[in-house]
Amino acid sequence: MEFIDTHTHLYLPEFDADRPDVVARAVGAGAVGLLLPGLDEASLPPALAMCRCWPGLCRPMLGLHPTELPPDPMAALDRLERLLVPGHPFVAIGEVGIDLYWDTSRREEQLAVFRRQVAWAAAWQLPLAIHSRAAHAELIDVLAPWRHRLAGGVFHCFGGTADEARELLGFPGFVLGIGGVVTFKKSALPEVLAGAVPLERIVVETDAPYLAPTPHRGRRNESAYVPLVLERLAEVYGCPAGEVARVTTRTARAVFRL
């Protein structure tokens, strides 16, 4: 089964000791694309280095993550925005969004940073890779004015309710990113997906090194584990895993214009 891991941080230090082996295992498992979201300025050089080492397989995104804001985030955004020039390598603006789960003290800064990066996505007609945690209402408020000006994107690591899924999928061109959480024993995600989300509106991801699927839960995640997600989704949607892989890969290619 061929698949695209639409959200994987294989450039992080957790993979420094065995990165070539990790990539080889991913390809051996069927990976035809590994999309690398940005976190901050420091994450960009190692992500771009991976893209040079594995051209065509690894593709970078550009973004400032809501929990990685530096003391002066607007200055950092100024520097990142200068990289958006004709011929740039980025397949999306991401990983960007709002995270109010642990800390609300920089809520307004997070919103301002997210708004600015949404504007980049609209100006360059790039998809968004969106991180949202404990911030559904704020997310909708920021995106609503841009509803018909965006090129789509992925609501990364979706874990909300059926009503939230329907609201998010009301944004044209957007899909839900589904990873290891769907395999967790007590996860409500399978029921939400089965009841509210067409197979054509999801893509698969790992968020490696985080959120490894069962039976690797609690250990380092990697892109080679995507077939475990595909197999669980096959149970959810009542079709062969190969069909889930085919549909989600086609959707990923469309969203990210690969």
C-alpha atoms as a PDB file:
ATOM      1  CA  MET A   1       0.000   0.000   0.000  1.00  0.00           C
ATOM      2  CA  GLU A   2       1.342   3.401  -0.970  1.00  0.00           C
ATOM      3  CA  PHE A   3       0.692   6.272   1.437  1.00  0.00           C
ATOM      4  CA  ILE A   4       1.691   9.858   2.189  1.00  0.00           C
ATOM      5  CA  ASP A   5       2.510  10.746   5.779  1.00  0.00           C
ATOM      6  CA  THR A   6       1.126  14.275   5.692  1.00  0.00           C
ATOM      7  CA  HIS A   7       2.594  15.356   9.029  1.00  0.00           C
ATOM      8  CA  THR A   8       5.861  13.990  10.366  1.00  0.00           C
ATOM      9  CA  HIS A   9       8.716  15.642  12.274  1.00  0.00           C
ATOM     10  CA  LEU A  10      11.492  13.259  11.234  1.00  0.00           C
ATOM     11  CA  TYR A  11      14.007  16.130  11.310  1.00  0.00           C
ATOM     12  CA  LEU A  12      13.837  16.399  15.122  1.00  0.00           C
ATOM     13  CA  PRO A  13      16.741  15.272  17.350  1.00  0.00           C
ATOM     14  CA  GLU A  14      14.808  12.133  18.353  1.00  0.00           C
ATOM     15  CA  PHE A  15      15.818  10.717  14.948  1.00  0.00           C
ATOM     16  CA  ASP A  16      19.415  11.935  14.760  1.00  0.00           C
ATOM     17  CA  ALA A  17      20.878   8.512  15.586  1.00  0.00           C
ATOM     18  CA  ASP A  18      19.060   6.528  12.896  1.00  0.00           C
ATOM     19  CA  ARG A  19      17.297   8.892  10.470  1.00  0.00           C
ATOM     20  CA  PRO A  20      18.345   7.052   7.265  1.00  0.00           C
ATOM     21  CA  ASP A  21      17.025   3.805   8.724  1.00  0.00           C
ATOM     22  CA  VAL A  22      13.759   5.491   9.737  1.00  0.00           C
ATOM     23  CA  VAL A  23      13.287   6.835   6.211  1.00  0.00           C
ATOM     24  CA  ALA A  24      14.174   3.452   4.708  1.00  0.00           C
ATOM     25  CA  ARG A  25      11.588   1.739   6.923  1.00  0.00           C
ATOM     26  CA  ALA A  26       8.979   4.289   5.861  1.00  0.00           C
ATOM     27  CA  VAL A  27       9.671   3.676   2.182  1.00  0.00           C
ATOM     28  CA  GLY A  28       9.658  -0.058   2.798  1.00  0.00           C
ATOM     29  CA  ALA A  29       6.230   0.263   4.407  1.00  0.00           C
ATOM     30  CA  GLY A  30       4.875   2.109   1.358  1.00  0.00           C
ATOM     31  CA  ALA A  31       5.620   5.794   1.918  1.00  0.00           C
ATOM     32  CA  VAL A  32       5.701   7.838  -1.274  1.00  0.00           C
ATOM     33  CA  GLY A  33       5.681  11.180   0.541  1.00  0.00           C
ATOM     34  CA  LEU A  34       6.841  12.513   3.912  1.00  0.00           C
ATOM     35  CA  LEU A  35       5.619  16.043   4.579  1.00  0.00           C
ATOM     36  CA  LEU A  36       7.623  17.978   7.171  1.00  0.00           C
ATOM     37  CA  PRO A  37       5.796  20.756   9.067  1.00  0.00           C
ATOM     38  CA  GLY A  38       7.801  23.640  10.454  1.00  0.00           C
ATOM     39  CA  LEU A  39       7.750  24.441  14.157  1.00  0.00           C
ATOM     40  CA  ASP A  40       9.940  27.539  14.400  1.00  0.00           C
ATOM     41  CA  GLU A  41      12.998  29.074  12.787  1.00  0.00           C
ATOM     42  CA  ALA A  42      15.349  26.463  14.279  1.00  0.00           C
ATOM     43  CA  SER A  43      13.382  23.571  12.781  1.00  0.00           C
ATOM     44  CA  LEU A  44      13.728  24.828   9.237  1.00  0.00           C
ATOM     45  CA  PRO A  45      17.402  24.007   8.454  1.00  0.00           C
ATOM     46  CA  PRO A  46      17.152  20.320   9.474  1.00  0.00           C
ATOM     47  CA  ALA A  47      13.852  19.936   7.632  1.00  0.00           C
ATOM     48  CA  LEU A  48      15.309  21.444   4.468  1.00  0.00           C
ATOM     49  CA  ALA A  49      18.376  19.232   4.844  1.00  0.00           C
ATOM     50  CA  MET A  50      16.115  16.171   4.835  1.00  0.00           C
ATOM     51  CA  CYS A  51      14.444  17.439   1.675  1.00  0.00           C
ATOM     52  CA  ARG A  52      17.837  17.733  -0.008  1.00  0.00           C
ATOM     53  CA  CYS A  53      18.800  14.224   1.082  1.00  0.00           C
ATOM     54  CA  TRP A  54      15.524  12.663  -0.052  1.00  0.00           C
ATOM     55  CA  PRO A  55      14.221  14.882  -2.871  1.00  0.00           C
ATOM     56  CA  GLY A  56      10.741  14.102  -4.049  1.00  0.00           C
ATOM     57  CA  LEU A  57      10.022  12.052  -0.931  1.00  0.00           C
ATOM     58  CA  CYS A  58      10.422  14.738   1.753  1.00  0.00           C
ATOM     59  CA  ARG A  59       8.679  18.071   1.286  1.00  0.00           C
ATOM     60  CA  PRO A  60       8.851  21.040   3.695  1.00  0.00           C
ATOM     61  CA  MET A  61       6.260  23.369   5.170  1.00  0.00           C
ATOM     62  CA  LEU A  62       6.816  26.846   6.609  1.00  0.00           C
ATOM     63  CA  GLY A  63       5.297  27.948   9.878  1.00  0.00           C
ATOM     64  CA  LEU A  64       5.528  29.062  13.488  1.00  0.00           C
ATOM     65  CA  HIS A  65       3.814  26.656  15.898  1.00  0.00           C
ATOM     66  CA  PRO A  66       1.565  28.260  18.529  1.00  0.00           C
ATOM     67  CA  THR A  67       3.451  26.743  21.468  1.00  0.00           C
ATOM     68  CA  GLU A  68       6.860  27.690  20.048  1.00  0.00           C
ATOM     69  CA  LEU A  69       6.444  31.463  19.969  1.00  0.00           C
ATOM     70  CA  PRO A  70       9.699  33.319  20.657  1.00  0.00           C
ATOM     71  CA  PRO A  71       9.719  36.494  22.788  1.00  0.00           C
ATOM     72  CA  ASP A  72       9.166  38.595  19.647  1.00  0.00           C
ATOM     73  CA  PRO A  73       7.071  36.414  17.338  1.00  0.00           C
ATOM     74  CA  MET A  74       6.374  39.125  14.788  1.00  0.00           C
ATOM     75  CA  ALA A  75      10.094  39.582  14.120  1.00  0.00           C
ATOM     76  CA  ALA A  76      10.378  35.828  13.612  1.00  0.00           C
ATOM     77  CA  LEU A  77       7.435  35.949  11.213  1.00  0.00           C
ATOM     78  CA  ASP A  78       9.139  38.756   9.301  1.00  0.00           C
ATOM     79  CA  ARG A  79      12.166  36.517   8.763  1.00  0.00           C
ATOM     80  CA  LEU A  80      10.087  33.481   7.797  1.00  0.00           C
ATOM     81  CA  GLU A  81       7.957  35.492   5.393  1.00  0.00           C
ATOM     82  CA  ARG A  82      11.061  36.540   3.466  1.00  0.00           C
ATOM     83  CA  LEU A  83      11.435  32.880   2.458  1.00  0.00           C
ATOM     84  CA  LEU A  84       8.169  33.017   0.528  1.00  0.00           C
ATOM     85  CA  VAL A  85       9.557  33.957  -2.846  1.00  0.00           C
ATOM     86  CA  PRO A  86       8.765  32.631  -6.326  1.00  0.00           C
ATOM     87  CA  GLY A  87      10.094  29.098  -6.614  1.00  0.00           C
ATOM     88  CA  HIS A  88      10.046  28.450  -2.862  1.00  0.00           C
ATOM     89  CA  PRO A  89       9.980  24.765  -1.852  1.00  0.00           C
ATOM     90  CA  PHE A  90       7.130  24.856   0.669  1.00  0.00           C
ATOM     91  CA  VAL A  91       4.042  22.721   0.111  1.00  0.00           C
ATOM     92  CA  ALA A  92       2.033  24.349   2.915  1.00  0.00           C
ATOM     93  CA  ILE A  93       1.941  26.942   5.661  1.00  0.00           C
ATOM     94  CA  GLY A  94       2.259  24.876   8.801  1.00  0.00           C
ATOM     95  CA  GLU A  95       2.319  23.829  11.497  1.00  0.00           C
ATOM     96  CA  VAL A  96       0.309  26.836  12.609  1.00  0.00           C
ATOM     97  CA  GLY A  97      -2.737  27.426  14.760  1.00  0.00           C
ATOM     98  CA  ILE A  98      -3.899  27.938  18.320  1.00  0.00           C
ATOM     99  CA  ASP A  99      -3.134  25.909  21.464  1.00  0.00           C
ATOM    100  CA  LEU A 100      -4.782  26.967  24.724  1.00  0.00           C
ATOM    101  CA  TYR A 101      -4.559  23.584  26.457  1.00  0.00           C
ATOM    102  CA  TRP A 102      -1.642  24.222  28.781  1.00  0.00           C
ATOM    103  CA  ASP A 103      -1.283  27.977  28.741  1.00  0.00           C
ATOM    104  CA  THR A 104      -3.612  30.844  27.841  1.00  0.00           C
ATOM    105  CA  SER A 105      -1.233  33.644  28.822  1.00  0.00           C
ATOM    106  CA  ARG A 106      -0.228  34.354  25.193  1.00  0.00           C
ATOM    107  CA  ARG A 107      -3.666  33.839  23.700  1.00  0.00           C
ATOM    108  CA  GLU A 108      -3.781  37.160  21.879  1.00  0.00           C
ATOM    109  CA  GLU A 109      -0.269  36.699  20.495  1.00  0.00           C
ATOM    110  CA  GLN A 110      -1.194  33.224  19.271  1.00  0.00           C
ATOM    111  CA  LEU A 111      -4.246  34.613  17.508  1.00  0.00           C
ATOM    112  CA  ALA A 112      -2.244  37.416  15.888  1.00  0.00           C
ATOM    113  CA  VAL A 113       0.484  35.018  14.745  1.00  0.00           C
ATOM    114  CA  PHE A 114      -2.082  32.607  13.334  1.00  0.00           C
ATOM    115  CA  ARG A 115      -3.975  35.368  11.497  1.00  0.00           C
ATOM    116  CA  ARG A 116      -0.796  36.545   9.846  1.00  0.00           C
ATOM    117  CA  GLN A 117       0.112  33.060   8.659  1.00  0.00           C
ATOM    118  CA  VAL A 118      -3.416  32.463   7.372  1.00  0.00           C
ATOM    119  CA  ALA A 119      -2.927  35.609   5.307  1.00  0.00           C
ATOM    120  CA  TRP A 120       0.276  34.105   3.861  1.00  0.00           C
ATOM    121  CA  ALA A 121      -1.645  30.980   2.872  1.00  0.00           C
ATOM    122  CA  ALA A 122      -4.269  33.071   1.111  1.00  0.00           C
ATOM    123  CA  ALA A 123      -1.740  35.293  -0.642  1.00  0.00           C
ATOM    124  CA  TRP A 124       0.332  32.374  -1.929  1.00  0.00           C
ATOM    125  CA  GLN A 125      -2.603  29.967  -2.327  1.00  0.00           C
ATOM    126  CA  LEU A 126      -0.882  27.394  -0.152  1.00  0.00           C
ATOM    127  CA  PRO A 127      -2.763  24.895   2.013  1.00  0.00           C
ATOM    128  CA  LEU A 128      -2.655  25.247   5.788  1.00  0.00           C
ATOM    129  CA  ALA A 129      -1.543  22.558   8.252  1.00  0.00           C
ATOM    130  CA  ILE A 130      -3.466  23.626  11.346  1.00  0.00           C
ATOM    131  CA  HIS A 131      -2.822  22.705  14.969  1.00  0.00           C
ATOM    132  CA  SER A 132      -5.757  23.360  17.298  1.00  0.00           C
ATOM    133  CA  ARG A 133      -6.051  22.306  20.910  1.00  0.00           C
ATOM    134  CA  ALA A 134      -8.675  23.581  23.346  1.00  0.00           C
ATOM    135  CA  ALA A 135      -9.334  26.371  20.842  1.00  0.00           C
ATOM    136  CA  HIS A 136     -12.102  25.274  18.488  1.00  0.00           C
ATOM    137  CA  ALA A 137     -14.173  28.462  18.824  1.00  0.00           C
ATOM    138  CA  GLU A 138     -11.112  30.679  18.375  1.00  0.00           C
ATOM    139  CA  LEU A 139     -10.047  28.657  15.344  1.00  0.00           C
ATOM    140  CA  ILE A 140     -13.407  29.124  13.639  1.00  0.00           C
ATOM    141  CA  ASP A 141     -13.392  32.847  14.438  1.00  0.00           C
ATOM    142  CA  VAL A 142      -9.986  33.332  12.799  1.00  0.00           C
ATOM    143  CA  LEU A 143     -10.715  31.242   9.724  1.00  0.00           C
ATOM    144  CA  ALA A 144     -14.291  32.366   9.026  1.00  0.00           C
ATOM    145  CA  PRO A 145     -13.391  35.636   7.230  1.00  0.00           C
ATOM    146  CA  TRP A 146     -11.041  33.685   4.952  1.00  0.00           C
ATOM    147  CA  ARG A 147     -13.465  30.849   4.188  1.00  0.00           C
ATOM    148  CA  HIS A 148     -13.570  31.401   0.428  1.00  0.00           C
ATOM    149  CA  ARG A 149     -10.057  32.788  -0.021  1.00  0.00           C
ATOM    150  CA  LEU A 150      -8.007  29.809   1.160  1.00  0.00           C
ATOM    151  CA  ALA A 151      -6.564  26.922  -0.830  1.00  0.00           C
ATOM    152  CA  GLY A 152      -7.692  24.351   1.741  1.00  0.00           C
ATOM    153  CA  GLY A 153      -5.553  22.389   4.132  1.00  0.00           C
ATOM    154  CA  VAL A 154      -5.527  19.891   6.967  1.00  0.00           C
ATOM    155  CA  PHE A 155      -6.877  20.126  10.482  1.00  0.00           C
ATOM    156  CA  HIS A 156      -3.989  18.176  11.938  1.00  0.00           C
ATOM    157  CA  CYS A 157      -4.501  15.517  14.605  1.00  0.00           C
ATOM    158  CA  PHE A 158      -8.265  15.917  14.686  1.00  0.00           C
ATOM    159  CA  GLY A 159      -9.781  14.620  17.902  1.00  0.00           C
ATOM    160  CA  GLY A 160     -13.034  16.521  18.265  1.00  0.00           C
ATOM    161  CA  THR A 161     -16.726  15.732  18.219  1.00  0.00           C
ATOM    162  CA  ALA A 162     -18.922  14.929  15.244  1.00  0.00           C
ATOM    163  CA  ASP A 163     -20.356  18.444  15.327  1.00  0.00           C
ATOM    164  CA  GLU A 164     -16.858  19.948  15.370  1.00  0.00           C
ATOM    165  CA  ALA A 165     -15.859  17.728  12.446  1.00  0.00           C
ATOM    166  CA  ARG A 166     -18.857  18.907  10.432  1.00  0.00           C
ATOM    167  CA  GLU A 167     -18.064  22.546  11.235  1.00  0.00           C
ATOM    168  CA  LEU A 168     -14.435  22.177  10.189  1.00  0.00           C
ATOM    169  CA  LEU A 169     -15.346  20.365   6.988  1.00  0.00           C
ATOM    170  CA  GLY A 170     -17.590  23.289   6.116  1.00  0.00           C
ATOM    171  CA  PHE A 171     -14.413  25.049   5.027  1.00  0.00           C
ATOM    172  CA  PRO A 172     -13.892  24.234   1.334  1.00  0.00           C
ATOM    173  CA  GLY A 173     -10.827  22.191   0.506  1.00  0.00           C
ATOM    174  CA  PHE A 174     -10.050  21.234   4.097  1.00  0.00           C
ATOM    175  CA  VAL A 175      -9.669  17.694   5.392  1.00  0.00           C
ATOM    176  CA  LEU A 176      -8.965  16.063   8.759  1.00  0.00           C
ATOM    177  CA  GLY A 177      -5.553  14.609   9.616  1.00  0.00           C
ATOM    178  CA  ILE A 178      -5.889  11.199  11.272  1.00  0.00           C
ATOM    179  CA  GLY A 179      -3.037   9.392  13.031  1.00  0.00           C
ATOM    180  CA  GLY A 180      -2.281   6.984  15.832  1.00  0.00           C
ATOM    181  CA  VAL A 181      -5.047   8.193  18.146  1.00  0.00           C
ATOM    182  CA  VAL A 182      -7.614   6.363  16.015  1.00  0.00           C
ATOM    183  CA  THR A 183      -6.001   3.072  17.135  1.00  0.00           C
ATOM    184  CA  PHE A 184      -6.211   3.811  20.868  1.00  0.00           C
ATOM    185  CA  LYS A 185      -8.555   1.490  22.754  1.00  0.00           C
ATOM    186  CA  LYS A 186     -10.647   4.219  24.391  1.00  0.00           C
ATOM    187  CA  SER A 187     -10.587   6.683  21.513  1.00  0.00           C
ATOM    188  CA  ALA A 188     -13.959   8.097  20.428  1.00  0.00           C
ATOM    189  CA  LEU A 189     -12.487   9.010  17.058  1.00  0.00           C
ATOM    190  CA  PRO A 190     -13.594   5.854  15.169  1.00  0.00           C
ATOM    191  CA  GLU A 191     -17.225   6.534  16.047  1.00  0.00           C
ATOM    192  CA  VAL A 192     -16.944  10.207  15.077  1.00  0.00           C
ATOM    193  CA  LEU A 193     -15.368   9.352  11.732  1.00  0.00           C
ATOM    194  CA  ALA A 194     -17.894   6.650  10.923  1.00  0.00           C
ATOM    195  CA  GLY A 195     -20.809   8.930  11.687  1.00  0.00           C
ATOM    196  CA  ALA A 196     -19.730  12.293  10.363  1.00  0.00           C
ATOM    197  CA  VAL A 197     -16.668  12.186   8.100  1.00  0.00           C
ATOM    198  CA  PRO A 198     -16.499  10.748   4.568  1.00  0.00           C
ATOM    199  CA  LEU A 199     -13.356   8.800   3.758  1.00  0.00           C
ATOM    200  CA  GLU A 200     -12.635  11.340   1.018  1.00  0.00           C
ATOM    201  CA  ARG A 201     -12.250  14.071   3.665  1.00  0.00           C
ATOM    202  CA  ILE A 202      -9.353  12.581   5.632  1.00  0.00           C
ATOM    203  CA  VAL A 203      -5.611  12.139   5.178  1.00  0.00           C
ATOM    204  CA  VAL A 204      -3.231  10.029   7.241  1.00  0.00           C
ATOM    205  CA  GLU A 205      -0.355  11.281   9.346  1.00  0.00           C
ATOM    206  CA  THR A 206       1.900  10.271  12.227  1.00  0.00           C
ATOM    207  CA  ASP A 207       3.016  13.461  14.034  1.00  0.00           C
ATOM    208  CA  ALA A 208       6.207  11.461  14.595  1.00  0.00           C
ATOM    209  CA  PRO A 209       7.905  11.185  17.039  1.00  0.00           C
ATOM    210  CA  TYR A 210       4.634  11.682  18.942  1.00  0.00           C
ATOM    211  CA  LEU A 211       1.349   9.744  19.218  1.00  0.00           C
ATOM    212  CA  ALA A 212       2.545   6.307  18.114  1.00  0.00           C
ATOM    213  CA  PRO A 213      -0.311   3.949  17.266  1.00  0.00           C
ATOM    214  CA  THR A 214      -1.146   0.785  19.152  1.00  0.00           C
ATOM    215  CA  PRO A 215       0.851  -1.469  19.764  1.00  0.00           C
ATOM    216  CA  HIS A 216       3.699   1.080  19.873  1.00  0.00           C
ATOM    217  CA  ARG A 217       1.830   3.598  22.031  1.00  0.00           C
ATOM    218  CA  GLY A 218       4.121   5.441  24.432  1.00  0.00           C
ATOM    219  CA  ARG A 219       7.200   4.854  22.301  1.00  0.00           C
ATOM    220  CA  ARG A 220       8.750   6.880  19.500  1.00  0.00           C
ATOM    221  CA  ASN A 221       6.454   7.130  16.516  1.00  0.00           C
ATOM    222  CA  GLU A 222       7.714   6.921  12.933  1.00  0.00           C
ATOM    223  CA  SER A 223       6.274   7.037   9.438  1.00  0.00           C
ATOM    224  CA  ALA A 224       6.577   3.280   8.941  1.00  0.00           C
ATOM    225  CA  TYR A 225       3.655   2.891  11.360  1.00  0.00           C
ATOM    226  CA  VAL A 226       1.119   4.514   9.016  1.00  0.00           C
ATOM    227  CA  PRO A 227      -0.156   1.092   7.822  1.00  0.00           C
ATOM    228  CA  LEU A 228      -1.442   0.484  11.365  1.00  0.00           C
ATOM    229  CA  VAL A 229      -3.560   3.618  11.014  1.00  0.00           C
ATOM    230  CA  LEU A 230      -4.735   2.525   7.561  1.00  0.00           C
ATOM    231  CA  GLU A 231      -5.778  -0.868   8.911  1.00  0.00           C
ATOM    232  CA  ARG A 232      -7.822   0.695  11.720  1.00  0.00           C
ATOM    233  CA  LEU A 233      -9.448   3.105   9.286  1.00  0.00           C
ATOM    234  CA  ALA A 234     -10.328   0.146   7.061  1.00  0.00           C
ATOM    235  CA  GLU A 235     -12.323  -1.264   9.992  1.00  0.00           C
ATOM    236  CA  VAL A 236     -13.992   2.106  10.596  1.00  0.00           C
ATOM    237  CA  TYR A 237     -15.055   2.568   6.975  1.00  0.00           C
ATOM    238  CA  GLY A 238     -15.725  -1.072   6.164  1.00  0.00           C
ATOM    239  CA  CYS A 239     -13.402  -1.337   3.181  1.00  0.00           C
ATOM    240  CA  PRO A 240      -9.951  -2.824   2.451  1.00  0.00           C
ATOM    241  CA  ALA A 241      -6.917  -1.036   3.844  1.00  0.00           C
ATOM    242  CA  GLY A 242      -5.639  -0.709   0.293  1.00  0.00           C
ATOM    243  CA  GLU A 243      -8.703   1.329  -0.617  1.00  0.00           C
ATOM    244  CA  VAL A 244      -8.163   3.616   2.401  1.00  0.00           C
ATOM    245  CA  ALA A 245      -4.555   4.071   1.294  1.00  0.00           C
ATOM    246  CA  ARG A 246      -5.593   4.830  -2.278  1.00  0.00           C
ATOM    247  CA  VAL A 247      -8.231   7.387  -1.327  1.00  0.00           C
ATOM    248  CA  THR A 248      -6.195   9.159   1.354  1.00  0.00           C
ATOM    249  CA  THR A 249      -3.138   9.327  -0.902  1.00  0.00           C
ATOM    250  CA  ARG A 250      -5.225  10.816  -3.699  1.00  0.00           C
ATOM    251  CA  THR A 251      -6.657  13.356  -1.247  1.00  0.00           C
ATOM    252  CA  ALA A 252      -3.204  14.259   0.082  1.00  0.00           C
ATOM    253  CA  ARG A 253      -1.912  14.813  -3.442  1.00  0.00           C
ATOM    254  CA  ALA A 254      -4.856  17.102  -4.157  1.00  0.00           C
ATOM    255  CA  VAL A 255      -4.612  19.111  -0.938  1.00  0.00           C
ATOM    256  CA  PHE A 256      -0.839  19.627  -1.147  1.00  0.00           C
ATOM    257  CA  ARG A 257      -0.687  19.716  -4.973  1.00  0.00           C
ATOM    258  CA  LEU A 258       1.920  16.969  -5.099  1.00  0.00           C
END
